[in-house]
Amino acid sequence: MVASLNHIIARQIEDAFADTPYPGDARIVKSGQAGEEVRQAFRGKSWQHLSVNQLTYHHVDLPVLTPEAFRFYLPAFMTAVLQHHDHVGTMPINVIHSLTPPDANMVSQLVEKQLDTQKYEKVQDFLARVSAFTGKERAAIRVFLESYRRLYPNNTRAHRHLNRALEFWKTR
């Protein structure tokens, strides 16, 4: 049952991101980031052709991806989490965290100009990362998050950010 549902959700993600454009070789890693290994691993590759081993190895590198690369490669990470959950280590935690907005208080502090520079950068980075998704892609992200909650209710480490992520994506 879980495998069948995972396959259905993965197919919905694949359909939603089928037309997402490749970011270009020069737009995989953010400027100033130490991500040459990530650039080399992902350069010229469609998200559909990354192996589970590559995704597992690079899931901690989600923060160094440009917003365009994050949008393009996110479906690979989401489908790997669903289809290979027991073999991807902490990938679910990192994927969910990458989809979770900073604390709501940070956004209001940003508006009131009361954030220190590092926190301001976290808010700006998150907003840049999530702003490019289309309606169809956002719907697939919502389905992924909702399904993860139902399919893996005992992964409390991943669930730490899940509620805030779901609240954010429900409004998108």
N, C-alpha and C. Protein backbone atom coordinates (compact mmCIF):
# COMPACT_ATOMS: atom_id res chain seq x y z
N MET A 1 0.82 -1.20 0.00
CA MET A 1 0.00 0.00 0.00
C MET A 1 0.87 1.27 0.00
N VAL A 2 1.87 1.33 0.92
CA VAL A 2 2.74 2.50 0.99
C VAL A 2 3.52 2.66 -0.31
N ALA A 3 4.05 1.56 -0.85
CA ALA A 3 4.81 1.62 -2.09
C ALA A 3 3.94 2.11 -3.24
N SER A 4 2.71 1.65 -3.28
CA SER A 4 1.79 2.07 -4.35
C SER A 4 1.47 3.56 -4.23
N LEU A 5 1.19 4.02 -3.03
CA LEU A 5 0.90 5.43 -2.81
C LEU A 5 2.12 6.29 -3.12
N ASN A 6 3.29 5.83 -2.71
CA ASN A 6 4.53 6.56 -3.01
C ASN A 6 4.72 6.71 -4.51
N HIS A 7 4.41 5.65 -5.25
CA HIS A 7 4.55 5.70 -6.71
C HIS A 7 3.59 6.72 -7.32
N ILE A 8 2.37 6.76 -6.83
CA ILE A 8 1.37 7.72 -7.33
C ILE A 8 1.81 9.15 -7.06
N ILE A 9 2.28 9.40 -5.85
CA ILE A 9 2.72 10.75 -5.49
C ILE A 9 3.97 11.13 -6.29
N ALA A 10 4.90 10.20 -6.43
CA ALA A 10 6.10 10.46 -7.22
C ALA A 10 5.73 10.80 -8.66
N ARG A 11 4.76 10.11 -9.21
CA ARG A 11 4.31 10.39 -10.58
C ARG A 11 3.72 11.80 -10.68
N GLN A 12 2.96 12.20 -9.66
CA GLN A 12 2.39 13.56 -9.65
C GLN A 12 3.51 14.60 -9.61
N ILE A 13 4.54 14.34 -8.82
CA ILE A 13 5.69 15.26 -8.75
C ILE A 13 6.38 15.32 -10.12
N GLU A 14 6.60 14.17 -10.71
CA GLU A 14 7.25 14.13 -12.03
C GLU A 14 6.45 14.92 -13.07
N ASP A 15 5.15 14.75 -13.06
CA ASP A 15 4.29 15.48 -14.01
C ASP A 15 4.36 16.99 -13.77
N ALA A 16 4.32 17.38 -12.51
CA ALA A 16 4.31 18.82 -12.17
C ALA A 16 5.61 19.50 -12.58
N PHE A 17 6.71 18.78 -12.51
CA PHE A 17 8.02 19.38 -12.80
C PHE A 17 8.55 18.99 -14.18
N ALA A 18 7.74 18.38 -15.01
CA ALA A 18 8.20 17.89 -16.32
C ALA A 18 8.73 19.02 -17.20
N ASP A 19 8.16 20.21 -17.10
CA ASP A 19 8.58 21.32 -17.96
C ASP A 19 9.47 22.34 -17.26
N THR A 20 9.92 22.04 -16.07
CA THR A 20 10.79 22.96 -15.33
C THR A 20 12.12 23.07 -16.07
N PRO A 21 12.53 24.29 -16.39
CA PRO A 21 13.76 24.45 -17.19
C PRO A 21 15.03 24.18 -16.40
N TYR A 22 15.98 23.61 -17.11
CA TYR A 22 17.32 23.41 -16.56
C TYR A 22 17.93 24.79 -16.29
N PRO A 23 18.58 24.98 -15.13
CA PRO A 23 19.09 26.32 -14.79
C PRO A 23 20.29 26.77 -15.61
N GLY A 24 20.94 25.86 -16.28
CA GLY A 24 22.18 26.19 -16.99
C GLY A 24 23.36 25.82 -16.13
N ASP A 25 24.43 25.44 -16.76
CA ASP A 25 25.62 24.99 -16.02
C ASP A 25 26.17 26.04 -15.06
N ALA A 26 26.06 27.31 -15.44
CA ALA A 26 26.61 28.38 -14.61
C ALA A 26 25.67 28.79 -13.48
N ARG A 27 24.45 28.26 -13.45
CA ARG A 27 23.47 28.66 -12.43
C ARG A 27 23.07 27.49 -11.52
N ILE A 28 23.98 26.58 -11.28
CA ILE A 28 23.68 25.45 -10.39
C ILE A 28 23.97 25.83 -8.94
N VAL A 29 25.10 26.45 -8.70
CA VAL A 29 25.53 26.80 -7.35
C VAL A 29 25.56 28.31 -7.21
N LYS A 30 25.14 28.80 -6.05
CA LYS A 30 25.16 30.24 -5.78
C LYS A 30 26.57 30.79 -5.87
N SER A 31 26.66 32.01 -6.30
CA SER A 31 27.93 32.71 -6.38
C SER A 31 28.55 32.80 -4.99
N GLY A 32 29.83 32.57 -4.91
CA GLY A 32 30.52 32.69 -3.62
C GLY A 32 30.39 31.47 -2.75
N GLN A 33 29.72 30.43 -3.20
CA GLN A 33 29.55 29.23 -2.40
C GLN A 33 30.61 28.20 -2.79
N ALA A 34 31.06 27.44 -1.84
CA ALA A 34 32.01 26.37 -2.11
C ALA A 34 31.22 25.15 -2.58
N GLY A 35 30.90 25.14 -3.84
CA GLY A 35 30.05 24.07 -4.35
C GLY A 35 30.52 23.47 -5.66
N GLU A 36 31.81 23.50 -5.91
CA GLU A 36 32.31 22.97 -7.18
C GLU A 36 31.98 21.49 -7.34
N GLU A 37 32.04 20.74 -6.26
CA GLU A 37 31.69 19.31 -6.33
C GLU A 37 30.23 19.13 -6.73
N VAL A 38 29.35 19.97 -6.19
CA VAL A 38 27.93 19.92 -6.54
C VAL A 38 27.74 20.31 -8.00
N ARG A 39 28.40 21.37 -8.41
CA ARG A 39 28.31 21.82 -9.80
C ARG A 39 28.72 20.70 -10.75
N GLN A 40 29.82 20.04 -10.44
CA GLN A 40 30.30 18.95 -11.29
C GLN A 40 29.33 17.77 -11.30
N ALA A 41 28.77 17.44 -10.14
CA ALA A 41 27.86 16.30 -10.04
C ALA A 41 26.55 16.53 -10.79
N PHE A 42 26.07 17.78 -10.81
CA PHE A 42 24.76 18.07 -11.40
C PHE A 42 24.85 18.67 -12.80
N ARG A 43 25.99 19.15 -13.19
CA ARG A 43 26.15 19.84 -14.48
C ARG A 43 25.64 18.99 -15.64
N GLY A 44 24.73 19.59 -16.41
CA GLY A 44 24.21 18.95 -17.61
C GLY A 44 23.28 17.79 -17.37
N LYS A 45 22.93 17.53 -16.12
CA LYS A 45 22.08 16.38 -15.80
C LYS A 45 20.66 16.80 -15.51
N SER A 46 19.76 16.07 -16.08
CA SER A 46 18.35 16.24 -15.77
C SER A 46 18.11 15.68 -14.38
N TRP A 47 17.16 16.25 -13.67
CA TRP A 47 16.86 15.75 -12.32
C TRP A 47 16.40 14.29 -12.37
N GLN A 48 15.81 13.87 -13.49
CA GLN A 48 15.32 12.50 -13.63
C GLN A 48 16.46 11.49 -13.74
N HIS A 49 17.67 11.97 -14.03
CA HIS A 49 18.79 11.06 -14.25
C HIS A 49 19.82 11.04 -13.12
N LEU A 50 19.51 11.69 -12.02
CA LEU A 50 20.41 11.62 -10.87
C LEU A 50 20.10 10.34 -10.09
N SER A 51 21.14 9.64 -9.70
CA SER A 51 20.94 8.39 -8.96
C SER A 51 20.58 8.68 -7.50
N VAL A 52 20.00 7.71 -6.86
CA VAL A 52 19.69 7.83 -5.44
C VAL A 52 20.98 8.04 -4.65
N ASN A 53 22.06 7.39 -5.06
CA ASN A 53 23.34 7.58 -4.37
C ASN A 53 23.83 9.02 -4.50
N GLN A 54 23.72 9.62 -5.69
CA GLN A 54 24.13 11.02 -5.87
C GLN A 54 23.27 11.93 -5.00
N LEU A 55 21.98 11.70 -5.00
CA LEU A 55 21.06 12.53 -4.21
C LEU A 55 21.32 12.39 -2.72
N THR A 56 21.57 11.17 -2.28
CA THR A 56 21.86 10.94 -0.87
C THR A 56 23.15 11.64 -0.46
N TYR A 57 24.14 11.58 -1.32
CA TYR A 57 25.42 12.21 -1.04
C TYR A 57 25.30 13.73 -1.00
N HIS A 58 24.47 14.31 -1.86
CA HIS A 58 24.40 15.77 -2.00
C HIS A 58 23.18 16.42 -1.32
N HIS A 59 22.40 15.68 -0.58
CA HIS A 59 21.21 16.30 0.02
C HIS A 59 21.57 17.40 1.02
N VAL A 60 22.73 17.34 1.60
CA VAL A 60 23.15 18.39 2.53
C VAL A 60 23.56 19.67 1.78
N ASP A 61 23.67 19.58 0.46
CA ASP A 61 24.09 20.71 -0.35
C ASP A 61 22.92 21.53 -0.89
N LEU A 62 21.70 21.21 -0.51
CA LEU A 62 20.55 21.98 -0.99
C LEU A 62 20.71 23.48 -0.78
N PRO A 63 21.27 23.94 0.34
CA PRO A 63 21.41 25.39 0.55
C PRO A 63 22.34 26.10 -0.42
N VAL A 64 23.25 25.39 -1.08
CA VAL A 64 24.17 26.07 -2.00
C VAL A 64 23.61 26.17 -3.42
N LEU A 65 22.48 25.51 -3.68
CA LEU A 65 21.89 25.59 -5.01
C LEU A 65 21.26 26.97 -5.23
N THR A 66 21.36 27.45 -6.46
CA THR A 66 20.67 28.69 -6.81
C THR A 66 19.17 28.42 -6.74
N PRO A 67 18.34 29.46 -6.65
CA PRO A 67 16.90 29.22 -6.67
C PRO A 67 16.44 28.43 -7.91
N GLU A 68 17.05 28.71 -9.06
CA GLU A 68 16.69 27.99 -10.29
C GLU A 68 17.07 26.52 -10.21
N ALA A 69 18.25 26.23 -9.66
CA ALA A 69 18.70 24.85 -9.52
C ALA A 69 17.89 24.13 -8.45
N PHE A 70 17.58 24.82 -7.37
CA PHE A 70 16.75 24.23 -6.32
C PHE A 70 15.41 23.81 -6.91
N ARG A 71 14.79 24.69 -7.68
CA ARG A 71 13.51 24.39 -8.32
C ARG A 71 13.64 23.20 -9.26
N PHE A 72 14.72 23.17 -10.03
CA PHE A 72 14.91 22.11 -11.02
C PHE A 72 15.19 20.76 -10.38
N TYR A 73 16.01 20.71 -9.33
CA TYR A 73 16.43 19.44 -8.75
C TYR A 73 15.56 18.96 -7.58
N LEU A 74 14.73 19.83 -7.02
CA LEU A 74 13.88 19.44 -5.89
C LEU A 74 13.05 18.19 -6.17
N PRO A 75 12.44 18.04 -7.34
CA PRO A 75 11.63 16.84 -7.56
C PRO A 75 12.44 15.55 -7.44
N ALA A 76 13.71 15.57 -7.80
CA ALA A 76 14.55 14.38 -7.64
C ALA A 76 14.67 14.01 -6.17
N PHE A 77 14.89 15.01 -5.34
CA PHE A 77 15.03 14.76 -3.91
C PHE A 77 13.70 14.29 -3.30
N MET A 78 12.60 14.93 -3.69
CA MET A 78 11.30 14.54 -3.15
C MET A 78 10.94 13.11 -3.54
N THR A 79 11.15 12.75 -4.80
CA THR A 79 10.82 11.38 -5.22
C THR A 79 11.74 10.36 -4.58
N ALA A 80 13.02 10.71 -4.40
CA ALA A 80 13.94 9.79 -3.71
C ALA A 80 13.49 9.54 -2.28
N VAL A 81 13.04 10.61 -1.60
CA VAL A 81 12.55 10.46 -0.23
C VAL A 81 11.36 9.51 -0.20
N LEU A 82 10.45 9.65 -1.14
CA LEU A 82 9.26 8.81 -1.16
C LEU A 82 9.57 7.37 -1.56
N GLN A 83 10.35 7.20 -2.60
CA GLN A 83 10.56 5.86 -3.15
C GLN A 83 11.67 5.07 -2.48
N HIS A 84 12.55 5.75 -1.76
CA HIS A 84 13.69 5.06 -1.13
C HIS A 84 13.87 5.51 0.33
N HIS A 85 12.78 5.78 0.99
CA HIS A 85 12.80 6.38 2.32
C HIS A 85 13.74 5.67 3.29
N ASP A 86 13.74 4.38 3.28
CA ASP A 86 14.55 3.64 4.24
C ASP A 86 16.03 3.60 3.89
N HIS A 87 16.42 4.20 2.74
CA HIS A 87 17.80 4.11 2.29
C HIS A 87 18.44 5.47 2.03
N VAL A 88 17.79 6.55 2.43
CA VAL A 88 18.33 7.88 2.11
C VAL A 88 18.76 8.66 3.34
N GLY A 89 18.91 8.01 4.46
CA GLY A 89 19.44 8.65 5.66
C GLY A 89 18.64 9.88 6.09
N THR A 90 19.34 10.99 6.23
CA THR A 90 18.70 12.22 6.72
C THR A 90 18.15 13.10 5.60
N MET A 91 18.08 12.57 4.39
CA MET A 91 17.54 13.37 3.28
C MET A 91 16.15 13.93 3.58
N PRO A 92 15.22 13.15 4.15
CA PRO A 92 13.90 13.73 4.42
C PRO A 92 13.96 14.99 5.28
N ILE A 93 14.82 14.98 6.29
CA ILE A 93 14.95 16.13 7.17
C ILE A 93 15.43 17.35 6.38
N ASN A 94 16.45 17.16 5.56
CA ASN A 94 17.01 18.29 4.80
C ASN A 94 16.04 18.81 3.75
N VAL A 95 15.33 17.91 3.08
CA VAL A 95 14.38 18.35 2.06
C VAL A 95 13.25 19.15 2.72
N ILE A 96 12.70 18.62 3.79
CA ILE A 96 11.61 19.32 4.48
C ILE A 96 12.10 20.64 5.04
N HIS A 97 13.28 20.64 5.62
CA HIS A 97 13.84 21.89 6.16
C HIS A 97 14.02 22.93 5.06
N SER A 98 14.45 22.50 3.88
CA SER A 98 14.64 23.44 2.78
C SER A 98 13.33 24.04 2.29
N LEU A 99 12.21 23.41 2.63
CA LEU A 99 10.89 23.89 2.24
C LEU A 99 10.18 24.62 3.38
N THR A 100 10.88 24.78 4.49
CA THR A 100 10.29 25.39 5.68
C THR A 100 10.75 26.84 5.82
N PRO A 101 9.80 27.76 5.94
CA PRO A 101 10.19 29.16 6.09
C PRO A 101 10.84 29.40 7.45
N PRO A 102 11.67 30.41 7.52
CA PRO A 102 12.21 30.80 8.83
C PRO A 102 11.03 31.14 9.76
N ASP A 103 11.29 31.20 11.00
CA ASP A 103 10.28 31.54 12.00
C ASP A 103 9.48 32.76 11.55
N ALA A 104 8.16 32.72 11.74
CA ALA A 104 7.28 33.81 11.32
C ALA A 104 7.69 35.14 11.95
N ASN A 105 8.22 35.09 13.15
CA ASN A 105 8.68 36.32 13.80
C ASN A 105 9.80 36.99 13.00
N MET A 106 10.59 36.17 12.32
CA MET A 106 11.68 36.73 11.52
C MET A 106 11.14 37.58 10.38
N VAL A 107 10.05 37.15 9.79
CA VAL A 107 9.48 37.91 8.68
C VAL A 107 9.00 39.27 9.17
N SER A 108 8.31 39.30 10.31
CA SER A 108 7.85 40.59 10.83
C SER A 108 9.03 41.45 11.26
N GLN A 109 10.07 40.83 11.83
CA GLN A 109 11.27 41.58 12.20
C GLN A 109 11.97 42.13 10.97
N LEU A 110 11.91 41.38 9.88
CA LEU A 110 12.50 41.84 8.63
C LEU A 110 11.79 43.11 8.16
N VAL A 111 10.48 43.07 8.20
CA VAL A 111 9.70 44.24 7.78
C VAL A 111 10.03 45.44 8.66
N GLU A 112 10.21 45.20 9.95
CA GLU A 112 10.50 46.29 10.88
C GLU A 112 12.00 46.61 10.96
N LYS A 113 12.80 45.95 10.14
CA LYS A 113 14.25 46.18 10.07
C LYS A 113 14.94 45.91 11.41
N GLN A 114 14.48 44.86 12.11
CA GLN A 114 15.06 44.53 13.41
C GLN A 114 15.86 43.23 13.38
N LEU A 115 16.21 42.76 12.19
CA LEU A 115 16.95 41.51 12.09
C LEU A 115 18.43 41.78 11.91
N ASP A 116 19.25 40.90 12.49
CA ASP A 116 20.67 41.03 12.20
C ASP A 116 20.91 40.50 10.78
N THR A 117 22.04 40.80 10.23
CA THR A 117 22.34 40.51 8.83
C THR A 117 22.21 39.03 8.51
N GLN A 118 22.70 38.16 9.37
CA GLN A 118 22.67 36.73 9.09
C GLN A 118 21.23 36.23 9.01
N LYS A 119 20.38 36.64 9.93
CA LYS A 119 18.98 36.20 9.90
C LYS A 119 18.26 36.80 8.69
N TYR A 120 18.57 38.02 8.36
CA TYR A 120 17.98 38.66 7.19
C TYR A 120 18.30 37.85 5.94
N GLU A 121 19.55 37.40 5.83
CA GLU A 121 19.96 36.60 4.68
C GLU A 121 19.21 35.29 4.61
N LYS A 122 18.91 34.67 5.75
CA LYS A 122 18.14 33.42 5.76
C LYS A 122 16.73 33.64 5.21
N VAL A 123 16.10 34.73 5.62
CA VAL A 123 14.75 35.03 5.13
C VAL A 123 14.79 35.31 3.63
N GLN A 124 15.72 36.16 3.21
CA GLN A 124 15.84 36.50 1.79
C GLN A 124 16.14 35.25 0.96
N ASP A 125 17.02 34.41 1.46
CA ASP A 125 17.39 33.18 0.74
C ASP A 125 16.17 32.28 0.59
N PHE A 126 15.42 32.12 1.65
CA PHE A 126 14.22 31.27 1.56
C PHE A 126 13.22 31.84 0.56
N LEU A 127 12.96 33.13 0.64
CA LEU A 127 11.99 33.74 -0.28
C LEU A 127 12.45 33.63 -1.73
N ALA A 128 13.73 33.80 -1.98
CA ALA A 128 14.25 33.65 -3.34
C ALA A 128 14.11 32.21 -3.81
N ARG A 129 14.35 31.27 -2.91
CA ARG A 129 14.30 29.85 -3.26
C ARG A 129 12.89 29.41 -3.64
N VAL A 130 11.88 29.92 -2.97
CA VAL A 130 10.52 29.41 -3.19
C VAL A 130 9.69 30.27 -4.14
N SER A 131 10.19 31.41 -4.53
CA SER A 131 9.37 32.32 -5.34
C SER A 131 9.19 31.89 -6.79
N ALA A 132 10.06 31.05 -7.30
CA ALA A 132 10.01 30.71 -8.73
C ALA A 132 9.07 29.56 -9.07
N PHE A 133 8.57 28.86 -8.08
CA PHE A 133 7.73 27.70 -8.36
C PHE A 133 6.41 28.11 -9.02
N THR A 134 5.96 27.31 -9.99
CA THR A 134 4.67 27.53 -10.63
C THR A 134 3.57 26.97 -9.73
N GLY A 135 2.33 27.26 -10.04
CA GLY A 135 1.20 26.74 -9.27
C GLY A 135 1.18 25.22 -9.24
N LYS A 136 1.46 24.60 -10.36
CA LYS A 136 1.49 23.14 -10.45
C LYS A 136 2.62 22.56 -9.60
N GLU A 137 3.77 23.22 -9.61
CA GLU A 137 4.89 22.76 -8.80
C GLU A 137 4.61 22.93 -7.31
N ARG A 138 4.01 24.07 -6.95
CA ARG A 138 3.66 24.29 -5.53
C ARG A 138 2.66 23.25 -5.05
N ALA A 139 1.70 22.89 -5.90
CA ALA A 139 0.72 21.85 -5.54
C ALA A 139 1.43 20.51 -5.29
N ALA A 140 2.42 20.19 -6.11
CA ALA A 140 3.16 18.94 -5.93
C ALA A 140 3.96 18.97 -4.62
N ILE A 141 4.51 20.12 -4.28
CA ILE A 141 5.22 20.25 -3.01
C ILE A 141 4.26 20.03 -1.84
N ARG A 142 3.07 20.62 -1.92
CA ARG A 142 2.07 20.42 -0.86
C ARG A 142 1.73 18.94 -0.72
N VAL A 143 1.50 18.27 -1.85
CA VAL A 143 1.17 16.84 -1.82
C VAL A 143 2.31 16.04 -1.19
N PHE A 144 3.54 16.38 -1.56
CA PHE A 144 4.69 15.70 -0.97
C PHE A 144 4.69 15.85 0.55
N LEU A 145 4.55 17.08 1.02
CA LEU A 145 4.59 17.33 2.47
C LEU A 145 3.43 16.65 3.20
N GLU A 146 2.23 16.76 2.65
CA GLU A 146 1.06 16.12 3.28
C GLU A 146 1.21 14.61 3.30
N SER A 147 1.70 14.06 2.21
CA SER A 147 1.89 12.61 2.11
C SER A 147 2.97 12.13 3.06
N TYR A 148 4.03 12.91 3.17
CA TYR A 148 5.10 12.51 4.08
C TYR A 148 4.56 12.38 5.50
N ARG A 149 3.76 13.31 5.89
CA ARG A 149 3.18 13.26 7.25
C ARG A 149 2.38 11.98 7.45
N ARG A 150 1.57 11.62 6.46
CA ARG A 150 0.73 10.42 6.58
C ARG A 150 1.55 9.13 6.48
N LEU A 151 2.51 9.10 5.56
CA LEU A 151 3.25 7.87 5.31
C LEU A 151 4.30 7.56 6.36
N TYR A 152 4.89 8.60 6.94
CA TYR A 152 5.99 8.41 7.89
C TYR A 152 5.73 9.17 9.18
N PRO A 153 4.66 8.82 9.89
CA PRO A 153 4.29 9.59 11.09
C PRO A 153 5.29 9.45 12.23
N ASN A 154 6.15 8.46 12.18
CA ASN A 154 7.09 8.23 13.29
C ASN A 154 8.45 8.89 13.09
N ASN A 155 8.66 9.57 11.98
CA ASN A 155 9.94 10.24 11.77
C ASN A 155 9.87 11.62 12.41
N THR A 156 10.00 11.64 13.71
CA THR A 156 9.81 12.89 14.47
C THR A 156 10.87 13.93 14.14
N ARG A 157 12.07 13.51 13.75
CA ARG A 157 13.10 14.49 13.39
C ARG A 157 12.68 15.27 12.15
N ALA A 158 12.12 14.58 11.16
CA ALA A 158 11.67 15.27 9.95
C ALA A 158 10.42 16.10 10.23
N HIS A 159 9.61 15.64 11.16
CA HIS A 159 8.36 16.34 11.47
C HIS A 159 8.58 17.64 12.25
N ARG A 160 9.79 17.82 12.77
CA ARG A 160 10.09 19.03 13.54
C ARG A 160 9.77 20.29 12.73
N HIS A 161 10.02 20.27 11.44
CA HIS A 161 9.77 21.43 10.59
C HIS A 161 8.51 21.27 9.73
N LEU A 162 7.97 20.08 9.73
CA LEU A 162 6.89 19.77 8.80
C LEU A 162 5.65 20.64 8.97
N ASN A 163 5.22 20.89 10.18
CA ASN A 163 4.01 21.71 10.39
C ASN A 163 4.17 23.11 9.83
N ARG A 164 5.32 23.73 10.09
CA ARG A 164 5.55 25.08 9.57
C ARG A 164 5.65 25.07 8.05
N ALA A 165 6.26 24.05 7.50
CA ALA A 165 6.35 23.93 6.04
C ALA A 165 4.95 23.78 5.44
N LEU A 166 4.15 22.92 6.02
CA LEU A 166 2.79 22.71 5.51
C LEU A 166 1.95 23.98 5.59
N GLU A 167 2.06 24.69 6.68
CA GLU A 167 1.31 25.94 6.80
C GLU A 167 1.71 26.93 5.71
N PHE A 168 3.00 27.04 5.44
CA PHE A 168 3.48 27.94 4.40
C PHE A 168 2.96 27.51 3.03
N TRP A 169 3.12 26.24 2.67
CA TRP A 169 2.77 25.79 1.33
C TRP A 169 1.27 25.71 1.11
N LYS A 170 0.48 25.61 2.17
CA LYS A 170 -0.99 25.63 2.01
C LYS A 170 -1.47 26.98 1.52
N THR A 171 -0.70 28.02 1.78
CA THR A 171 -1.10 29.36 1.36
C THR A 171 -0.50 29.72 0.01
N ARG A 172 0.24 28.86 -0.58
CA ARG A 172 0.89 29.13 -1.87
C ARG A 172 0.14 28.48 -3.00
